[in-house]
Amino acid sequence: MKRAPGARPRGFIAFGRGHFSIPVMKASERVEVEALRSMFTLPNPRGLLGESGEAIAIRVDGLPIKELNRIAGLYEISELEALLPVFEDRPYWITLDPEAALDEDMLRRGYVSAGAWQKFERGVEPYEARTDLDIVDARSPADIEAYLMRAWNVPPPEAGWMSTIFDHPDWHCFVAYDGDEPVGGGMLFVLDEAGWIGVAATQPEYRGRGVQNTLFAARFDGAHELGLTTLITETGITDPPGPSYRNMLRAGFAPTYERPVYTLPG
């Protein structure tokens, strides 16, 4: 497992920081925000990053999904306007820590609810899971690119960009191999003693073979080797709960809080 100081950010838009007090960002939000921010330290970013205070706005051009086109870490409503130029006329979402208490501000500005995400937390204790595939550290950036395209439907330019986390000291990617063929994967981002778990997917024809549970187990073991103490993740809330939600519970994640999501109508 690699571990070294993070790289210096490159390829981002930075907005002015205000001189005002901002509520303290909880650790479970910070590790996710820093994971998103660090994506734009990768070479040749396929989108934009904006910053205001500790809040960020991210836009990934070829992936118009809420996970990668949103504002995160917003605790002061005065920071919002500085972040909006990132999106131009594109759809975007705002994910809020409920303790930021900005819901009324969102509604007054014309935003509407776009559901909620459940945040989860667990320690790094082992988790027993099995699959007939090999789950190991990614063998090459090309293997990361392949699983992102085949299992997460990431377009080639964005997959090529994201695959360069292979050389980033704070990112660790585990890939499921069928022989030499990468058919799924999942990532772990490290910030101090906390880790954020995300970007997991399996090719449709390989689902139902324990891949995602075994990817959880591999990342938990990797986090333990790195000396981490806490792991954070999140997924959308649906009724009934979706596969990701159920897998997280099965893997020992405890629900911690529901995070509201807002967007503009239309």
C-alpha atoms as a PDB file:
ATOM      1  CA  MET A   1       0.000   0.000   0.000  1.00  0.00           C
ATOM      2  CA  LYS A   2       1.421   3.378  -1.001  1.00  0.00           C
ATOM      3  CA  ARG A   3       1.381   6.339   1.400  1.00  0.00           C
ATOM      4  CA  ALA A   4       3.091   9.705   1.035  1.00  0.00           C
ATOM      5  CA  PRO A   5       2.243  13.416   1.279  1.00  0.00           C
ATOM      6  CA  GLY A   6      -0.465  14.577  -1.141  1.00  0.00           C
ATOM      7  CA  ALA A   7       0.369  16.265  -4.425  1.00  0.00           C
ATOM      8  CA  ARG A   8       0.022  19.984  -4.968  1.00  0.00           C
ATOM      9  CA  PRO A   9      -3.327  20.889  -6.596  1.00  0.00           C
ATOM     10  CA  ARG A  10      -3.273  21.617 -10.319  1.00  0.00           C
ATOM     11  CA  GLY A  11      -5.920  22.484 -12.874  1.00  0.00           C
ATOM     12  CA  PHE A  12      -8.550  24.152 -10.713  1.00  0.00           C
ATOM     13  CA  ILE A  13     -10.392  27.469 -10.382  1.00  0.00           C
ATOM     14  CA  ALA A  14      -9.877  29.129  -6.979  1.00  0.00           C
ATOM     15  CA  PHE A  15     -12.269  31.792  -5.729  1.00  0.00           C
ATOM     16  CA  GLY A  16     -11.560  34.291  -2.972  1.00  0.00           C
ATOM     17  CA  ARG A  17     -11.893  33.210   0.629  1.00  0.00           C
ATOM     18  CA  GLY A  18     -14.066  35.369   2.837  1.00  0.00           C
ATOM     19  CA  HIS A  19     -13.105  36.768   6.232  1.00  0.00           C
ATOM     20  CA  PHE A  20     -15.931  35.334   8.264  1.00  0.00           C
ATOM     21  CA  SER A  21     -16.587  32.504  10.662  1.00  0.00           C
ATOM     22  CA  ILE A  22     -17.647  29.186   9.147  1.00  0.00           C
ATOM     23  CA  PRO A  23     -19.218  26.363  11.189  1.00  0.00           C
ATOM     24  CA  VAL A  24     -16.815  23.529  11.829  1.00  0.00           C
ATOM     25  CA  MET A  25     -16.965  20.849   9.141  1.00  0.00           C
ATOM     26  CA  LYS A  26     -17.381  17.416  10.697  1.00  0.00           C
ATOM     27  CA  ALA A  27     -14.776  14.777   9.874  1.00  0.00           C
ATOM     28  CA  SER A  28     -17.232  12.653   7.891  1.00  0.00           C
ATOM     29  CA  GLU A  29     -17.853  15.581   5.538  1.00  0.00           C
ATOM     30  CA  ARG A  30     -14.251  16.713   5.343  1.00  0.00           C
ATOM     31  CA  VAL A  31     -12.815  13.411   4.121  1.00  0.00           C
ATOM     32  CA  GLU A  32     -15.364  13.317   1.288  1.00  0.00           C
ATOM     33  CA  VAL A  33     -14.789  16.954   0.357  1.00  0.00           C
ATOM     34  CA  GLU A  34     -11.035  16.436   0.286  1.00  0.00           C
ATOM     35  CA  ALA A  35     -11.441  13.313  -1.843  1.00  0.00           C
ATOM     36  CA  LEU A  36     -13.403  15.316  -4.417  1.00  0.00           C
ATOM     37  CA  ARG A  37     -10.950  18.211  -4.230  1.00  0.00           C
ATOM     38  CA  SER A  38      -7.991  15.897  -4.745  1.00  0.00           C
ATOM     39  CA  MET A  39      -9.428  14.605  -8.027  1.00  0.00           C
ATOM     40  CA  PHE A  40      -8.431  17.951  -9.493  1.00  0.00           C
ATOM     41  CA  THR A  41      -4.819  17.442  -8.515  1.00  0.00           C
ATOM     42  CA  LEU A  42      -4.774  14.729 -11.191  1.00  0.00           C
ATOM     43  CA  PRO A  43      -3.287  15.697 -14.562  1.00  0.00           C
ATOM     44  CA  ASN A  44      -5.594  17.085 -17.254  1.00  0.00           C
ATOM     45  CA  PRO A  45      -8.859  17.359 -15.284  1.00  0.00           C
ATOM     46  CA  ARG A  46     -12.011  16.814 -17.345  1.00  0.00           C
ATOM     47  CA  GLY A  47     -13.995  19.586 -15.707  1.00  0.00           C
ATOM     48  CA  LEU A  48     -13.671  22.344 -13.136  1.00  0.00           C
ATOM     49  CA  LEU A  49     -13.203  22.805  -9.415  1.00  0.00           C
ATOM     50  CA  GLY A  50     -14.280  25.974  -7.607  1.00  0.00           C
ATOM     51  CA  GLU A  51     -13.481  26.849  -3.996  1.00  0.00           C
ATOM     52  CA  SER A  52     -14.932  29.348  -1.557  1.00  0.00           C
ATOM     53  CA  GLY A  53     -13.997  29.069   2.082  1.00  0.00           C
ATOM     54  CA  GLU A  54     -13.910  25.343   2.695  1.00  0.00           C
ATOM     55  CA  ALA A  55     -16.762  24.623   0.281  1.00  0.00           C
ATOM     56  CA  ILE A  56     -16.116  23.235  -3.186  1.00  0.00           C
ATOM     57  CA  ALA A  57     -18.009  23.008  -6.462  1.00  0.00           C
ATOM     58  CA  ILE A  58     -17.050  20.238  -8.864  1.00  0.00           C
ATOM     59  CA  ARG A  59     -18.056  19.712 -12.470  1.00  0.00           C
ATOM     60  CA  VAL A  60     -17.054  16.670 -14.531  1.00  0.00           C
ATOM     61  CA  ASP A  61     -17.978  17.352 -18.135  1.00  0.00           C
ATOM     62  CA  GLY A  62     -18.610  13.854 -19.462  1.00  0.00           C
ATOM     63  CA  LEU A  63     -20.486  12.586 -16.386  1.00  0.00           C
ATOM     64  CA  PRO A  64     -23.654  14.628 -15.700  1.00  0.00           C
ATOM     65  CA  ILE A  65     -24.423  12.745 -12.467  1.00  0.00           C
ATOM     66  CA  LYS A  66     -25.055  14.338  -9.096  1.00  0.00           C
ATOM     67  CA  GLU A  67     -22.063  12.633  -7.452  1.00  0.00           C
ATOM     68  CA  LEU A  68     -19.648  14.536  -9.711  1.00  0.00           C
ATOM     69  CA  ASN A  69     -21.544  17.768 -10.407  1.00  0.00           C
ATOM     70  CA  ARG A  70     -22.262  19.321  -7.064  1.00  0.00           C
ATOM     71  CA  ILE A  71     -21.422  21.642  -4.223  1.00  0.00           C
ATOM     72  CA  ALA A  72     -20.134  20.025  -1.040  1.00  0.00           C
ATOM     73  CA  GLY A  73     -18.851  21.339   2.268  1.00  0.00           C
ATOM     74  CA  LEU A  74     -21.153  24.377   2.224  1.00  0.00           C
ATOM     75  CA  TYR A  75     -21.653  25.786   5.730  1.00  0.00           C
ATOM     76  CA  GLU A  76     -22.023  29.504   4.975  1.00  0.00           C
ATOM     77  CA  ILE A  77     -24.668  30.663   2.495  1.00  0.00           C
ATOM     78  CA  SER A  78     -22.532  33.659   1.515  1.00  0.00           C
ATOM     79  CA  GLU A  79     -20.126  31.234  -0.219  1.00  0.00           C
ATOM     80  CA  LEU A  80     -22.765  29.929  -2.613  1.00  0.00           C
ATOM     81  CA  GLU A  81     -22.666  32.670  -5.256  1.00  0.00           C
ATOM     82  CA  ALA A  82     -18.907  32.381  -5.659  1.00  0.00           C
ATOM     83  CA  LEU A  83     -19.256  28.675  -6.516  1.00  0.00           C
ATOM     84  CA  LEU A  84     -22.029  28.864  -9.102  1.00  0.00           C
ATOM     85  CA  PRO A  85     -19.891  30.013 -12.099  1.00  0.00           C
ATOM     86  CA  VAL A  86     -18.361  26.522 -12.196  1.00  0.00           C
ATOM     87  CA  PHE A  87     -21.599  25.100 -13.576  1.00  0.00           C
ATOM     88  CA  GLU A  88     -22.462  27.749 -16.186  1.00  0.00           C
ATOM     89  CA  ASP A  89     -25.866  26.542 -17.462  1.00  0.00           C
ATOM     90  CA  ARG A  90     -25.391  22.900 -16.445  1.00  0.00           C
ATOM     91  CA  PRO A  91     -27.471  21.034 -13.851  1.00  0.00           C
ATOM     92  CA  TYR A  92     -25.909  20.730 -10.411  1.00  0.00           C
ATOM     93  CA  TRP A  93     -26.767  19.574  -6.906  1.00  0.00           C
ATOM     94  CA  ILE A  94     -25.958  20.716  -3.385  1.00  0.00           C
ATOM     95  CA  THR A  95     -25.285  18.105  -0.692  1.00  0.00           C
ATOM     96  CA  LEU A  96     -25.579  19.537   2.821  1.00  0.00           C
ATOM     97  CA  ASP A  97     -24.523  18.499   6.268  1.00  0.00           C
ATOM     98  CA  PRO A  98     -27.837  18.892   8.145  1.00  0.00           C
ATOM     99  CA  GLU A  99     -25.946  20.680  10.926  1.00  0.00           C
ATOM    100  CA  ALA A 100     -25.159  23.480   8.461  1.00  0.00           C
ATOM    101  CA  ALA A 101     -28.842  24.477   8.883  1.00  0.00           C
ATOM    102  CA  LEU A 102     -29.073  25.960   5.379  1.00  0.00           C
ATOM    103  CA  ASP A 103     -32.309  24.275   4.303  1.00  0.00           C
ATOM    104  CA  GLU A 104     -34.456  27.400   4.615  1.00  0.00           C
ATOM    105  CA  ASP A 105     -31.836  29.401   2.715  1.00  0.00           C
ATOM    106  CA  MET A 106     -31.969  26.840  -0.104  1.00  0.00           C
ATOM    107  CA  LEU A 107     -35.758  26.994  -0.342  1.00  0.00           C
ATOM    108  CA  ARG A 108     -35.798  30.813  -0.306  1.00  0.00           C
ATOM    109  CA  ARG A 109     -33.416  30.809  -3.258  1.00  0.00           C
ATOM    110  CA  GLY A 110     -35.690  28.570  -5.308  1.00  0.00           C
ATOM    111  CA  TYR A 111     -33.938  25.239  -4.766  1.00  0.00           C
ATOM    112  CA  VAL A 112     -36.032  22.107  -4.355  1.00  0.00           C
ATOM    113  CA  SER A 113     -35.378  18.824  -2.605  1.00  0.00           C
ATOM    114  CA  ALA A 114     -33.646  16.168  -4.718  1.00  0.00           C
ATOM    115  CA  GLY A 115     -33.858  13.446  -2.097  1.00  0.00           C
ATOM    116  CA  ALA A 116     -31.261  12.604   0.515  1.00  0.00           C
ATOM    117  CA  TRP A 117     -28.096  10.583   0.987  1.00  0.00           C
ATOM    118  CA  GLN A 118     -27.346   8.377   3.955  1.00  0.00           C
ATOM    119  CA  LYS A 119     -23.914   8.802   5.522  1.00  0.00           C
ATOM    120  CA  PHE A 120     -22.306   5.699   7.030  1.00  0.00           C
ATOM    121  CA  GLU A 121     -19.330   5.097   9.298  1.00  0.00           C
ATOM    122  CA  ARG A 122     -17.401   2.096  10.572  1.00  0.00           C
ATOM    123  CA  GLY A 123     -14.011   1.155  11.971  1.00  0.00           C
ATOM    124  CA  VAL A 124     -11.386  -0.859  10.101  1.00  0.00           C
ATOM    125  CA  GLU A 125     -12.107  -4.241  11.663  1.00  0.00           C
ATOM    126  CA  PRO A 126     -11.947  -7.125   9.162  1.00  0.00           C
ATOM    127  CA  TYR A 127     -14.954  -8.237   7.174  1.00  0.00           C
ATOM    128  CA  GLU A 128     -15.239 -11.741   5.777  1.00  0.00           C
ATOM    129  CA  ALA A 129     -16.405 -11.919   2.173  1.00  0.00           C
ATOM    130  CA  ARG A 130     -15.689 -14.274  -0.708  1.00  0.00           C
ATOM    131  CA  THR A 131     -15.722 -14.275  -4.472  1.00  0.00           C
ATOM    132  CA  ASP A 132     -14.317 -16.547  -7.153  1.00  0.00           C
ATOM    133  CA  LEU A 133     -12.522 -13.552  -8.688  1.00  0.00           C
ATOM    134  CA  ASP A 134      -9.176 -12.044  -7.667  1.00  0.00           C
ATOM    135  CA  ILE A 135      -9.449  -8.780  -5.670  1.00  0.00           C
ATOM    136  CA  VAL A 136      -6.066  -7.018  -5.484  1.00  0.00           C
ATOM    137  CA  ASP A 137      -4.471  -3.592  -5.784  1.00  0.00           C
ATOM    138  CA  ALA A 138      -4.919  -2.268  -9.293  1.00  0.00           C
ATOM    139  CA  ARG A 139      -2.119  -3.532 -11.491  1.00  0.00           C
ATOM    140  CA  SER A 140      -2.052  -0.541 -13.827  1.00  0.00           C
ATOM    141  CA  PRO A 141      -3.860   2.721 -14.661  1.00  0.00           C
ATOM    142  CA  ALA A 142      -5.242   0.955 -17.745  1.00  0.00           C
ATOM    143  CA  ASP A 143      -7.034  -1.565 -15.522  1.00  0.00           C
ATOM    144  CA  ILE A 144      -8.648   1.247 -13.518  1.00  0.00           C
ATOM    145  CA  GLU A 145      -9.699   2.919 -16.761  1.00  0.00           C
ATOM    146  CA  ALA A 146     -11.184  -0.343 -18.009  1.00  0.00           C
ATOM    147  CA  TYR A 147     -13.323  -0.985 -14.946  1.00  0.00           C
ATOM    148  CA  LEU A 148     -14.544   2.605 -14.869  1.00  0.00           C
ATOM    149  CA  MET A 149     -15.678   2.381 -18.500  1.00  0.00           C
ATOM    150  CA  ARG A 150     -17.169  -1.104 -18.376  1.00  0.00           C
ATOM    151  CA  ALA A 151     -18.718  -1.147 -14.921  1.00  0.00           C
ATOM    152  CA  TRP A 152     -19.376   2.541 -14.096  1.00  0.00           C
ATOM    153  CA  ASN A 153     -20.142   3.680 -17.685  1.00  0.00           C
ATOM    154  CA  VAL A 154     -17.510   6.419 -17.542  1.00  0.00           C
ATOM    155  CA  PRO A 155     -16.684   7.864 -21.003  1.00  0.00           C
ATOM    156  CA  PRO A 156     -13.103   7.161 -22.170  1.00  0.00           C
ATOM    157  CA  PRO A 157     -11.731  10.717 -21.664  1.00  0.00           C
ATOM    158  CA  GLU A 158     -13.014  10.897 -18.093  1.00  0.00           C
ATOM    159  CA  ALA A 159     -11.996   7.310 -17.341  1.00  0.00           C
ATOM    160  CA  GLY A 160      -8.473   8.023 -18.571  1.00  0.00           C
ATOM    161  CA  TRP A 161      -8.260  11.079 -16.340  1.00  0.00           C
ATOM    162  CA  MET A 162      -9.650   9.321 -13.252  1.00  0.00           C
ATOM    163  CA  SER A 163      -7.365   6.311 -13.782  1.00  0.00           C
ATOM    164  CA  THR A 164      -4.349   8.479 -12.936  1.00  0.00           C
ATOM    165  CA  ILE A 165      -5.258   8.112  -9.252  1.00  0.00           C
ATOM    166  CA  PHE A 166      -3.018   5.037  -9.665  1.00  0.00           C
ATOM    167  CA  ASP A 167      -0.029   7.307  -8.991  1.00  0.00           C
ATOM    168  CA  HIS A 168      -1.702   9.561  -6.390  1.00  0.00           C
ATOM    169  CA  PRO A 169      -0.338   8.884  -2.881  1.00  0.00           C
ATOM    170  CA  ASP A 170      -3.680   9.423  -1.146  1.00  0.00           C
ATOM    171  CA  TRP A 171      -5.767   7.173  -3.391  1.00  0.00           C
ATOM    172  CA  HIS A 172      -5.846   3.373  -3.411  1.00  0.00           C
ATOM    173  CA  CYS A 173      -7.797   1.367  -5.961  1.00  0.00           C
ATOM    174  CA  PHE A 174      -8.704  -2.301  -5.692  1.00  0.00           C
ATOM    175  CA  VAL A 175      -9.747  -4.158  -8.823  1.00  0.00           C
ATOM    176  CA  ALA A 176     -11.622  -7.411  -9.363  1.00  0.00           C
ATOM    177  CA  TYR A 177      -9.899  -9.546 -12.010  1.00  0.00           C
ATOM    178  CA  ASP A 178     -11.196 -12.486 -13.990  1.00  0.00           C
ATOM    179  CA  GLY A 179      -7.804 -13.775 -15.007  1.00  0.00           C
ATOM    180  CA  ASP A 180      -6.163 -10.676 -16.490  1.00  0.00           C
ATOM    181  CA  GLU A 181      -9.477  -8.954 -17.195  1.00  0.00           C
ATOM    182  CA  PRO A 182     -10.538  -6.097 -14.857  1.00  0.00           C
ATOM    183  CA  VAL A 183     -14.295  -6.474 -14.273  1.00  0.00           C
ATOM    184  CA  GLY A 184     -14.953  -4.262 -11.260  1.00  0.00           C
ATOM    185  CA  GLY A 185     -13.295  -2.099  -8.680  1.00  0.00           C
ATOM    186  CA  GLY A 186     -13.549   0.307  -5.774  1.00  0.00           C
ATOM    187  CA  MET A 187     -11.490   3.154  -4.355  1.00  0.00           C
ATOM    188  CA  LEU A 188     -10.221   4.340  -0.977  1.00  0.00           C
ATOM    189  CA  PHE A 189      -9.110   7.918  -0.286  1.00  0.00           C
ATOM    190  CA  VAL A 190      -7.002   8.617   2.794  1.00  0.00           C
ATOM    191  CA  LEU A 191      -7.016  11.790   4.898  1.00  0.00           C
ATOM    192  CA  ASP A 192      -5.071  11.548   8.159  1.00  0.00           C
ATOM    193  CA  GLU A 193      -6.675   8.636  10.056  1.00  0.00           C
ATOM    194  CA  ALA A 194      -9.923   8.635   8.074  1.00  0.00           C
ATOM    195  CA  GLY A 195     -10.755   7.000   4.772  1.00  0.00           C
ATOM    196  CA  TRP A 196     -13.502   7.663   2.239  1.00  0.00           C
ATOM    197  CA  ILE A 197     -14.813   4.696   0.276  1.00  0.00           C
ATOM    198  CA  GLY A 198     -16.443   5.138  -3.121  1.00  0.00           C
ATOM    199  CA  VAL A 199     -16.369   4.750  -6.927  1.00  0.00           C
ATOM    200  CA  ALA A 200     -17.279   1.065  -6.736  1.00  0.00           C
ATOM    201  CA  ALA A 201     -18.885  -0.875  -9.578  1.00  0.00           C
ATOM    202  CA  THR A 202     -19.026  -4.328 -11.144  1.00  0.00           C
ATOM    203  CA  GLN A 203     -19.693  -5.270 -14.759  1.00  0.00           C
ATOM    204  CA  PRO A 204     -23.317  -6.440 -15.036  1.00  0.00           C
ATOM    205  CA  GLU A 205     -22.446  -9.994 -16.089  1.00  0.00           C
ATOM    206  CA  TYR A 206     -20.280 -10.419 -12.958  1.00  0.00           C
ATOM    207  CA  ARG A 207     -22.826  -9.184 -10.421  1.00  0.00           C
ATOM    208  CA  GLY A 208     -24.152 -11.603  -7.833  1.00  0.00           C
ATOM    209  CA  ARG A 209     -20.710 -13.172  -7.295  1.00  0.00           C
ATOM    210  CA  GLY A 210     -19.734 -11.310  -4.127  1.00  0.00           C
ATOM    211  CA  VAL A 211     -17.509  -8.758  -5.852  1.00  0.00           C
ATOM    212  CA  GLN A 212     -18.698  -5.640  -4.025  1.00  0.00           C
ATOM    213  CA  ASN A 213     -18.610  -7.286  -0.604  1.00  0.00           C
ATOM    214  CA  THR A 214     -15.088  -8.568  -1.264  1.00  0.00           C
ATOM    215  CA  LEU A 215     -14.025  -5.120  -2.474  1.00  0.00           C
ATOM    216  CA  PHE A 216     -15.259  -3.757   0.860  1.00  0.00           C
ATOM    217  CA  ALA A 217     -13.215  -6.387   2.697  1.00  0.00           C
ATOM    218  CA  ALA A 218     -10.065  -5.550   0.679  1.00  0.00           C
ATOM    219  CA  ARG A 219     -10.425  -1.840   1.380  1.00  0.00           C
ATOM    220  CA  PHE A 220     -11.002  -2.470   5.084  1.00  0.00           C
ATOM    221  CA  ASP A 221      -7.805  -4.535   5.227  1.00  0.00           C
ATOM    222  CA  GLY A 222      -5.943  -1.852   3.289  1.00  0.00           C
ATOM    223  CA  ALA A 223      -7.219   0.841   5.649  1.00  0.00           C
ATOM    224  CA  HIS A 224      -6.005  -1.182   8.622  1.00  0.00           C
ATOM    225  CA  GLU A 225      -2.545  -1.544   7.048  1.00  0.00           C
ATOM    226  CA  LEU A 226      -2.423   2.221   6.535  1.00  0.00           C
ATOM    227  CA  GLY A 227      -3.195   2.896  10.194  1.00  0.00           C
ATOM    228  CA  LEU A 228      -6.642   4.361   9.635  1.00  0.00           C
ATOM    229  CA  THR A 229      -9.281   4.290  12.360  1.00  0.00           C
ATOM    230  CA  THR A 230     -12.492   5.387  10.621  1.00  0.00           C
ATOM    231  CA  LEU A 231     -14.101   4.750   7.237  1.00  0.00           C
ATOM    232  CA  ILE A 232     -16.816   6.936   5.708  1.00  0.00           C
ATOM    233  CA  THR A 233     -19.162   6.345   2.807  1.00  0.00           C
ATOM    234  CA  GLU A 234     -22.625   7.343   1.598  1.00  0.00           C
ATOM    235  CA  THR A 235     -25.377   6.346  -0.799  1.00  0.00           C
ATOM    236  CA  GLY A 236     -28.770   7.565  -1.893  1.00  0.00           C
ATOM    237  CA  ILE A 237     -31.840   6.833   0.187  1.00  0.00           C
ATOM    238  CA  THR A 238     -34.614   4.944  -1.590  1.00  0.00           C
ATOM    239  CA  ASP A 239     -37.689   3.003  -0.509  1.00  0.00           C
ATOM    240  CA  PRO A 240     -36.977   0.132  -0.370  1.00  0.00           C
ATOM    241  CA  PRO A 241     -33.219   0.505   0.216  1.00  0.00           C
ATOM    242  CA  GLY A 242     -31.102  -0.218  -2.861  1.00  0.00           C
ATOM    243  CA  PRO A 243     -28.270  -2.763  -3.238  1.00  0.00           C
ATOM    244  CA  SER A 244     -25.544  -0.291  -2.207  1.00  0.00           C
ATOM    245  CA  TYR A 245     -27.380   0.595   0.997  1.00  0.00           C
ATOM    246  CA  ARG A 246     -27.903  -3.068   1.858  1.00  0.00           C
ATOM    247  CA  ASN A 247     -24.287  -3.955   1.079  1.00  0.00           C
ATOM    248  CA  MET A 248     -23.047  -1.176   3.367  1.00  0.00           C
ATOM    249  CA  LEU A 249     -25.158  -2.442   6.263  1.00  0.00           C
ATOM    250  CA  ARG A 250     -23.985  -5.996   5.596  1.00  0.00           C
ATOM    251  CA  ALA A 251     -20.359  -4.831   5.643  1.00  0.00           C
ATOM    252  CA  GLY A 252     -20.742  -3.324   9.100  1.00  0.00           C
ATOM    253  CA  PHE A 253     -21.322   0.332   8.266  1.00  0.00           C
ATOM    254  CA  ALA A 254     -23.573   2.130  10.741  1.00  0.00           C
ATOM    255  CA  PRO A 255     -25.946   4.850   9.459  1.00  0.00           C
ATOM    256  CA  THR A 256     -24.961   8.166  11.023  1.00  0.00           C
ATOM    257  CA  TYR A 257     -27.114  10.908   9.477  1.00  0.00           C
ATOM    258  CA  GLU A 258     -29.229  11.724   6.437  1.00  0.00           C
ATOM    259  CA  ARG A 259     -27.851  14.461   4.222  1.00  0.00           C
ATOM    260  CA  PRO A 260     -30.359  16.532   2.203  1.00  0.00           C
ATOM    261  CA  VAL A 261     -29.743  17.176  -1.481  1.00  0.00           C
ATOM    262  CA  TYR A 262     -31.006  20.270  -3.327  1.00  0.00           C
ATOM    263  CA  THR A 263     -31.147  21.320  -6.960  1.00  0.00           C
ATOM    264  CA  LEU A 264     -32.861  23.936  -9.094  1.00  0.00           C
ATOM    265  CA  PRO A 265     -36.159  22.902 -10.717  1.00  0.00           C
ATOM    266  CA  GLY A 266     -35.946  21.949 -14.370  1.00  0.00           C
END
